């Protein structure tokens, strides 16, 4: 993560502000990102969701809830304050906590809007590197 800096000046338009990840144009909490956390040659995938949180009708609250679900592990979730990060490429990345530690996710958008529709990234847990791809409509 040493090639990144936190800040509000993310230059690209896809995910260039936290609102692109968290809330809709109407000011409500956006749809959750859902997908799987996998390791090459490993056990079955772990379901992963990242859900923007709303509190008392105020959106965005700048919080996300990240949850892992799998029959072989205890379901686990954590709520954190996400942050935007610039890499050397000036591409927006979202920094947030997971039940297994922090992660940096690269944003992807569909069409010309800045609303983020997919996240890709990785998490290292107990020496194993897991990858994830999460999407939302």
N, C-alpha and C. Protein backbone atom coordinates (compact mmCIF):
# COMPACT_ATOMS: atom_id res chain seq x y z
N UNK A 1 0.80 -1.18 0.00
CA UNK A 1 0.00 0.00 0.00
C UNK A 1 0.86 1.26 0.00
N UNK A 2 2.17 1.12 -0.10
CA UNK A 2 3.02 2.29 0.01
C UNK A 2 3.03 3.16 -1.23
N UNK A 3 2.38 2.73 -2.33
CA UNK A 3 2.29 3.58 -3.52
C UNK A 3 1.02 4.41 -3.52
N UNK A 4 0.33 4.47 -2.39
CA UNK A 4 -0.95 5.16 -2.34
C UNK A 4 -0.94 6.24 -1.26
N UNK A 5 -1.82 7.20 -1.45
CA UNK A 5 -2.02 8.24 -0.45
C UNK A 5 -3.50 8.48 -0.29
N UNK A 6 -3.94 8.71 0.93
CA UNK A 6 -5.34 9.00 1.15
C UNK A 6 -5.62 10.45 0.83
N UNK A 7 -6.81 10.72 0.33
CA UNK A 7 -7.17 12.10 0.06
C UNK A 7 -8.42 12.20 -0.76
N UNK A 8 -8.95 13.40 -0.83
CA UNK A 8 -10.19 13.63 -1.55
C UNK A 8 -9.95 13.92 -3.02
N UNK A 9 -8.70 14.08 -3.44
CA UNK A 9 -8.41 14.49 -4.80
C UNK A 9 -8.21 13.37 -5.78
N UNK A 10 -9.02 12.33 -5.73
CA UNK A 10 -8.91 11.25 -6.69
C UNK A 10 -9.29 11.80 -8.06
N UNK A 11 -8.44 11.58 -9.06
CA UNK A 11 -8.62 12.29 -10.32
C UNK A 11 -9.56 11.62 -11.31
N UNK A 12 -9.73 10.31 -11.27
CA UNK A 12 -10.60 9.71 -12.27
C UNK A 12 -12.06 9.91 -11.90
N UNK A 13 -12.95 9.75 -12.87
CA UNK A 13 -14.36 10.00 -12.61
C UNK A 13 -15.08 8.77 -12.09
N UNK A 14 -14.59 7.58 -12.35
CA UNK A 14 -15.21 6.35 -11.86
C UNK A 14 -14.82 6.15 -10.40
N UNK A 15 -15.75 6.42 -9.50
CA UNK A 15 -15.45 6.26 -8.09
C UNK A 15 -14.60 7.37 -7.53
N UNK A 16 -14.66 8.54 -8.10
CA UNK A 16 -13.85 9.66 -7.66
C UNK A 16 -14.30 10.30 -6.37
N UNK A 17 -15.48 9.93 -5.86
CA UNK A 17 -15.94 10.42 -4.56
C UNK A 17 -16.60 9.27 -3.81
N UNK A 18 -16.66 9.36 -2.49
CA UNK A 18 -17.29 8.30 -1.70
C UNK A 18 -18.76 8.10 -2.08
N UNK A 19 -19.42 9.17 -2.51
CA UNK A 19 -20.83 9.04 -2.90
C UNK A 19 -21.00 8.05 -4.05
N UNK A 20 -19.98 7.90 -4.91
CA UNK A 20 -20.06 6.96 -6.03
C UNK A 20 -20.14 5.52 -5.55
N UNK A 21 -19.70 5.24 -4.33
CA UNK A 21 -19.73 3.91 -3.74
C UNK A 21 -20.93 3.72 -2.81
N UNK A 22 -21.35 4.82 -2.15
CA UNK A 22 -22.25 4.70 -1.00
C UNK A 22 -23.70 5.06 -1.24
N UNK A 23 -23.98 6.11 -2.01
CA UNK A 23 -25.38 6.54 -2.09
C UNK A 23 -25.84 6.76 -3.52
N UNK A 24 -27.15 6.74 -3.70
CA UNK A 24 -27.73 6.94 -5.01
C UNK A 24 -27.92 8.43 -5.26
N UNK A 25 -28.26 8.78 -6.49
CA UNK A 25 -28.52 10.18 -6.84
C UNK A 25 -29.69 10.72 -6.03
N UNK A 26 -30.60 9.84 -5.60
CA UNK A 26 -31.75 10.27 -4.81
C UNK A 26 -31.41 10.44 -3.34
N UNK A 27 -30.17 10.14 -2.96
CA UNK A 27 -29.74 10.34 -1.58
C UNK A 27 -30.06 9.20 -0.63
N UNK A 28 -30.28 8.00 -1.17
CA UNK A 28 -30.52 6.83 -0.33
C UNK A 28 -29.30 5.92 -0.38
N UNK A 29 -29.19 4.99 0.59
CA UNK A 29 -28.08 4.05 0.58
C UNK A 29 -28.16 3.19 -0.67
N UNK A 30 -27.03 3.03 -1.34
CA UNK A 30 -27.00 2.27 -2.58
C UNK A 30 -27.04 0.77 -2.30
N UNK A 31 -27.22 -0.01 -3.37
CA UNK A 31 -27.28 -1.45 -3.33
C UNK A 31 -25.93 -2.02 -2.88
N UNK A 32 -25.96 -3.16 -2.21
CA UNK A 32 -24.73 -3.83 -1.75
C UNK A 32 -23.95 -4.40 -2.92
N UNK A 33 -22.64 -4.49 -2.75
CA UNK A 33 -21.76 -5.23 -3.66
C UNK A 33 -21.75 -6.68 -3.15
N UNK A 34 -21.85 -7.65 -4.05
CA UNK A 34 -21.85 -9.05 -3.63
C UNK A 34 -20.98 -9.87 -4.58
N UNK A 35 -20.36 -10.89 -4.04
CA UNK A 35 -19.52 -11.77 -4.84
C UNK A 35 -18.85 -12.80 -3.96
N UNK A 36 -17.65 -13.24 -4.39
CA UNK A 36 -16.96 -14.28 -3.65
C UNK A 36 -15.50 -13.92 -3.39
N UNK A 37 -15.01 -14.49 -2.31
CA UNK A 37 -13.62 -14.41 -1.89
C UNK A 37 -13.04 -15.79 -2.17
N UNK A 38 -11.99 -15.88 -3.01
CA UNK A 38 -11.46 -17.18 -3.40
C UNK A 38 -9.95 -17.22 -3.30
N UNK A 39 -9.41 -18.42 -3.23
CA UNK A 39 -7.97 -18.65 -3.27
C UNK A 39 -7.74 -19.72 -4.33
N UNK A 40 -6.72 -19.54 -5.17
CA UNK A 40 -6.44 -20.49 -6.24
C UNK A 40 -6.19 -21.88 -5.65
N UNK A 41 -6.92 -22.87 -6.16
CA UNK A 41 -6.75 -24.24 -5.72
C UNK A 41 -7.27 -24.52 -4.32
N UNK A 42 -7.97 -23.55 -3.74
CA UNK A 42 -8.43 -23.68 -2.37
C UNK A 42 -9.84 -24.23 -2.26
N UNK A 43 -10.34 -24.13 -1.07
CA UNK A 43 -11.69 -24.62 -0.76
C UNK A 43 -12.73 -23.79 -1.49
N UNK A 44 -13.97 -24.14 -1.29
CA UNK A 44 -15.05 -23.44 -1.97
C UNK A 44 -15.05 -21.96 -1.61
N UNK A 45 -15.55 -21.14 -2.51
CA UNK A 45 -15.54 -19.68 -2.29
C UNK A 45 -16.34 -19.27 -1.07
N UNK A 46 -15.94 -18.17 -0.49
CA UNK A 46 -16.63 -17.57 0.65
C UNK A 46 -17.45 -16.40 0.11
N UNK A 47 -18.74 -16.38 0.43
CA UNK A 47 -19.59 -15.26 0.00
C UNK A 47 -19.14 -14.00 0.72
N UNK A 48 -19.07 -12.89 -0.03
CA UNK A 48 -18.63 -11.61 0.52
C UNK A 48 -19.60 -10.53 0.07
N UNK A 49 -20.02 -9.70 1.00
CA UNK A 49 -20.85 -8.54 0.65
C UNK A 49 -20.28 -7.29 1.31
N UNK A 50 -20.41 -6.18 0.60
CA UNK A 50 -20.04 -4.87 1.13
C UNK A 50 -21.27 -3.99 0.95
N UNK A 51 -21.88 -3.59 2.07
CA UNK A 51 -23.15 -2.88 2.04
C UNK A 51 -23.01 -1.46 2.58
N UNK A 52 -23.32 -0.45 1.77
CA UNK A 52 -23.36 0.93 2.30
C UNK A 52 -24.41 1.01 3.41
N UNK A 53 -24.09 1.73 4.47
CA UNK A 53 -24.99 1.81 5.61
C UNK A 53 -25.70 3.16 5.68
N UNK A 54 -26.96 3.13 6.10
CA UNK A 54 -27.74 4.34 6.34
C UNK A 54 -28.10 4.36 7.81
N UNK A 55 -28.11 5.53 8.41
CA UNK A 55 -28.43 5.63 9.83
C UNK A 55 -29.36 6.81 10.05
N UNK A 56 -30.51 6.53 10.60
CA UNK A 56 -31.46 7.59 10.92
C UNK A 56 -31.91 8.39 9.71
N UNK A 57 -31.94 7.74 8.54
CA UNK A 57 -32.37 8.42 7.33
C UNK A 57 -31.32 9.34 6.73
N UNK A 58 -30.10 9.33 7.27
CA UNK A 58 -29.03 10.17 6.75
C UNK A 58 -28.13 9.33 5.86
N UNK A 59 -27.99 9.74 4.62
CA UNK A 59 -27.11 9.05 3.68
C UNK A 59 -26.29 10.11 2.98
N UNK A 60 -25.01 9.94 2.72
CA UNK A 60 -24.28 8.77 3.20
C UNK A 60 -23.85 8.96 4.64
N UNK A 61 -23.69 7.85 5.34
CA UNK A 61 -23.14 7.93 6.69
C UNK A 61 -21.65 7.64 6.65
N UNK A 62 -21.11 7.40 5.46
CA UNK A 62 -19.70 7.08 5.27
C UNK A 62 -19.30 5.81 6.01
N UNK A 63 -20.20 4.83 6.04
CA UNK A 63 -19.90 3.53 6.63
C UNK A 63 -20.25 2.43 5.65
N UNK A 64 -19.49 1.34 5.70
CA UNK A 64 -19.84 0.14 4.96
C UNK A 64 -19.77 -1.05 5.91
N UNK A 65 -20.61 -2.03 5.66
CA UNK A 65 -20.60 -3.28 6.44
C UNK A 65 -20.10 -4.37 5.50
N UNK A 66 -19.01 -5.02 5.88
CA UNK A 66 -18.42 -6.09 5.08
C UNK A 66 -18.67 -7.41 5.79
N UNK A 67 -19.23 -8.37 5.06
CA UNK A 67 -19.62 -9.64 5.66
C UNK A 67 -19.08 -10.81 4.85
N UNK A 68 -18.60 -11.85 5.55
CA UNK A 68 -18.19 -13.12 4.95
C UNK A 68 -19.18 -14.18 5.41
N UNK A 69 -19.62 -15.04 4.49
CA UNK A 69 -20.56 -16.11 4.82
C UNK A 69 -20.10 -17.40 4.15
N UNK A 70 -19.98 -18.47 4.95
CA UNK A 70 -19.59 -19.77 4.41
C UNK A 70 -19.99 -20.84 5.42
N UNK A 71 -20.50 -21.99 4.97
CA UNK A 71 -20.94 -23.02 5.92
C UNK A 71 -19.80 -23.56 6.81
N UNK A 72 -18.54 -23.50 6.34
CA UNK A 72 -17.43 -24.08 7.10
C UNK A 72 -16.76 -23.10 8.06
N UNK A 73 -17.13 -21.82 7.99
CA UNK A 73 -16.55 -20.84 8.91
C UNK A 73 -17.67 -20.11 9.64
N UNK A 74 -17.33 -19.51 10.74
CA UNK A 74 -18.31 -18.67 11.41
C UNK A 74 -18.55 -17.43 10.56
N UNK A 75 -19.80 -17.13 10.30
CA UNK A 75 -20.10 -15.90 9.57
C UNK A 75 -19.53 -14.74 10.38
N UNK A 76 -18.96 -13.79 9.69
CA UNK A 76 -18.31 -12.68 10.36
C UNK A 76 -18.56 -11.41 9.59
N UNK A 77 -18.70 -10.29 10.32
CA UNK A 77 -18.95 -9.00 9.68
C UNK A 77 -18.27 -7.91 10.48
N UNK A 78 -17.95 -6.82 9.80
CA UNK A 78 -17.37 -5.65 10.44
C UNK A 78 -17.89 -4.40 9.73
N UNK A 79 -18.13 -3.35 10.50
CA UNK A 79 -18.54 -2.07 9.93
C UNK A 79 -17.37 -1.11 10.06
N UNK A 80 -17.07 -0.39 8.97
CA UNK A 80 -15.91 0.51 8.99
C UNK A 80 -16.19 1.78 8.20
N UNK A 81 -15.30 2.74 8.38
CA UNK A 81 -15.35 3.99 7.63
C UNK A 81 -14.41 3.84 6.45
N UNK A 82 -14.94 3.82 5.22
CA UNK A 82 -14.07 3.67 4.06
C UNK A 82 -13.36 4.97 3.72
N UNK A 83 -12.30 4.86 2.96
CA UNK A 83 -11.58 6.04 2.50
C UNK A 83 -11.16 5.88 1.05
N UNK A 84 -11.02 6.98 0.35
CA UNK A 84 -10.52 6.95 -1.02
C UNK A 84 -9.02 7.07 -1.01
N UNK A 85 -8.38 6.35 -1.92
CA UNK A 85 -6.93 6.31 -1.99
C UNK A 85 -6.50 6.51 -3.43
N UNK A 86 -5.43 7.27 -3.63
CA UNK A 86 -4.81 7.44 -4.94
C UNK A 86 -3.63 6.51 -5.05
N UNK A 87 -3.51 5.83 -6.18
CA UNK A 87 -2.31 5.06 -6.48
C UNK A 87 -1.46 5.86 -7.45
N UNK A 88 -0.33 5.31 -7.83
CA UNK A 88 0.53 6.00 -8.79
C UNK A 88 -0.17 6.21 -10.12
N UNK A 89 -1.13 5.35 -10.43
CA UNK A 89 -1.87 5.47 -11.69
C UNK A 89 -2.97 6.53 -11.60
N UNK A 90 -3.16 7.12 -10.41
CA UNK A 90 -4.22 8.10 -10.16
C UNK A 90 -5.61 7.50 -10.29
N UNK A 91 -5.70 6.19 -10.25
CA UNK A 91 -6.98 5.48 -10.32
C UNK A 91 -7.56 5.39 -8.92
N UNK A 92 -8.86 5.60 -8.79
CA UNK A 92 -9.48 5.56 -7.47
C UNK A 92 -9.46 4.14 -6.93
N UNK A 93 -9.24 4.04 -5.62
CA UNK A 93 -9.30 2.78 -4.91
C UNK A 93 -9.99 3.05 -3.58
N UNK A 94 -10.75 2.07 -3.11
CA UNK A 94 -11.48 2.20 -1.87
C UNK A 94 -10.77 1.37 -0.79
N UNK A 95 -10.43 2.01 0.31
CA UNK A 95 -9.81 1.35 1.45
C UNK A 95 -10.90 1.12 2.49
N UNK A 96 -11.08 -0.15 2.93
CA UNK A 96 -12.07 -0.46 3.96
C UNK A 96 -11.63 -1.70 4.72
N UNK A 97 -12.24 -1.89 5.87
CA UNK A 97 -11.93 -3.05 6.71
C UNK A 97 -12.80 -4.23 6.33
N UNK A 98 -12.24 -5.43 6.48
CA UNK A 98 -12.98 -6.67 6.34
C UNK A 98 -12.80 -7.45 7.64
N UNK A 99 -13.54 -8.53 7.83
CA UNK A 99 -13.32 -9.34 9.04
C UNK A 99 -11.89 -9.88 9.15
N UNK A 100 -11.16 -9.93 8.05
CA UNK A 100 -9.79 -10.45 8.06
C UNK A 100 -8.75 -9.36 7.87
N UNK A 101 -9.12 -8.10 8.02
CA UNK A 101 -8.16 -7.01 7.92
C UNK A 101 -8.50 -6.06 6.79
N UNK A 102 -7.65 -5.05 6.58
CA UNK A 102 -7.95 -4.03 5.57
C UNK A 102 -7.73 -4.53 4.15
N UNK A 103 -8.39 -3.87 3.21
CA UNK A 103 -8.23 -4.18 1.80
C UNK A 103 -8.35 -2.91 0.98
N UNK A 104 -7.70 -2.92 -0.17
CA UNK A 104 -7.84 -1.85 -1.17
C UNK A 104 -8.56 -2.45 -2.36
N UNK A 105 -9.66 -1.85 -2.76
CA UNK A 105 -10.44 -2.34 -3.89
C UNK A 105 -10.36 -1.36 -5.05
N UNK A 106 -10.18 -1.89 -6.23
CA UNK A 106 -10.20 -1.07 -7.44
C UNK A 106 -11.63 -0.97 -7.93
N UNK A 107 -12.05 0.25 -8.25
CA UNK A 107 -13.42 0.51 -8.68
C UNK A 107 -13.58 0.27 -10.17
N UNK A 108 -14.77 -0.18 -10.54
CA UNK A 108 -15.15 -0.30 -11.94
C UNK A 108 -16.54 0.28 -12.11
N UNK A 109 -16.75 0.97 -13.21
CA UNK A 109 -18.05 1.59 -13.48
C UNK A 109 -18.58 1.09 -14.81
N UNK A 110 -19.89 1.14 -14.96
CA UNK A 110 -20.55 0.77 -16.20
C UNK A 110 -21.04 2.03 -16.87
N UNK A 111 -20.69 2.23 -18.12
CA UNK A 111 -21.13 3.41 -18.84
C UNK A 111 -20.37 4.65 -18.44
N UNK A 112 -20.97 5.79 -18.66
CA UNK A 112 -20.30 7.07 -18.45
C UNK A 112 -20.54 7.66 -17.06
N UNK A 113 -21.28 6.96 -16.19
CA UNK A 113 -21.56 7.52 -14.87
C UNK A 113 -20.43 7.19 -13.90
N UNK A 114 -20.25 7.99 -12.84
CA UNK A 114 -19.20 7.71 -11.86
C UNK A 114 -19.61 6.66 -10.82
N UNK A 115 -20.88 6.19 -10.86
CA UNK A 115 -21.35 5.19 -9.89
C UNK A 115 -20.58 3.89 -10.05
N UNK A 116 -20.01 3.41 -8.96
CA UNK A 116 -19.21 2.19 -8.97
C UNK A 116 -20.13 0.98 -8.99
N UNK A 117 -19.89 0.06 -9.95
CA UNK A 117 -20.71 -1.15 -10.07
C UNK A 117 -19.93 -2.42 -9.78
N UNK A 118 -18.58 -2.33 -9.65
CA UNK A 118 -17.83 -3.51 -9.25
C UNK A 118 -16.56 -3.12 -8.51
N UNK A 119 -16.14 -4.01 -7.65
CA UNK A 119 -14.92 -3.85 -6.86
C UNK A 119 -14.08 -5.11 -7.01
N UNK A 120 -12.78 -4.95 -7.20
CA UNK A 120 -11.86 -6.08 -7.23
C UNK A 120 -10.70 -5.79 -6.30
N UNK A 121 -10.22 -6.82 -5.63
CA UNK A 121 -9.11 -6.63 -4.72
C UNK A 121 -8.66 -7.93 -4.10
N UNK A 122 -7.86 -7.82 -3.05
CA UNK A 122 -7.33 -8.99 -2.37
C UNK A 122 -7.18 -8.75 -0.88
N UNK A 123 -7.13 -9.86 -0.15
CA UNK A 123 -6.97 -9.85 1.30
C UNK A 123 -5.99 -10.96 1.65
N UNK A 124 -5.00 -10.68 2.49
CA UNK A 124 -4.11 -11.73 2.99
C UNK A 124 -4.54 -12.07 4.40
N UNK A 125 -4.84 -13.36 4.61
CA UNK A 125 -5.30 -13.83 5.92
C UNK A 125 -4.54 -15.09 6.29
N UNK A 126 -3.86 -15.06 7.42
CA UNK A 126 -3.07 -16.19 7.91
C UNK A 126 -2.13 -16.71 6.82
N UNK A 127 -1.49 -15.79 6.10
CA UNK A 127 -0.51 -16.14 5.09
C UNK A 127 -1.07 -16.57 3.75
N UNK A 128 -2.37 -16.59 3.60
CA UNK A 128 -3.02 -16.99 2.35
C UNK A 128 -3.59 -15.76 1.67
N UNK A 129 -3.34 -15.64 0.36
CA UNK A 129 -3.85 -14.50 -0.40
C UNK A 129 -5.17 -14.88 -1.06
N UNK A 130 -6.21 -14.15 -0.74
CA UNK A 130 -7.54 -14.34 -1.31
C UNK A 130 -7.82 -13.18 -2.27
N UNK A 131 -8.56 -13.46 -3.33
CA UNK A 131 -8.98 -12.45 -4.29
C UNK A 131 -10.50 -12.36 -4.28
N UNK A 132 -11.02 -11.17 -4.58
CA UNK A 132 -12.47 -11.03 -4.67
C UNK A 132 -12.85 -10.17 -5.85
N UNK A 133 -14.03 -10.46 -6.36
CA UNK A 133 -14.71 -9.63 -7.35
C UNK A 133 -16.15 -9.49 -6.87
N UNK A 134 -16.57 -8.25 -6.67
CA UNK A 134 -17.91 -7.96 -6.17
C UNK A 134 -18.63 -7.08 -7.18
N UNK A 135 -19.90 -7.33 -7.39
CA UNK A 135 -20.67 -6.55 -8.36
C UNK A 135 -22.00 -6.13 -7.74
N UNK A 136 -22.63 -5.15 -8.40
CA UNK A 136 -24.00 -4.77 -8.07
C UNK A 136 -24.64 -4.24 -9.34
N UNK A 137 -25.97 -4.30 -9.39
CA UNK A 137 -26.65 -3.83 -10.61
C UNK A 137 -26.55 -2.32 -10.75
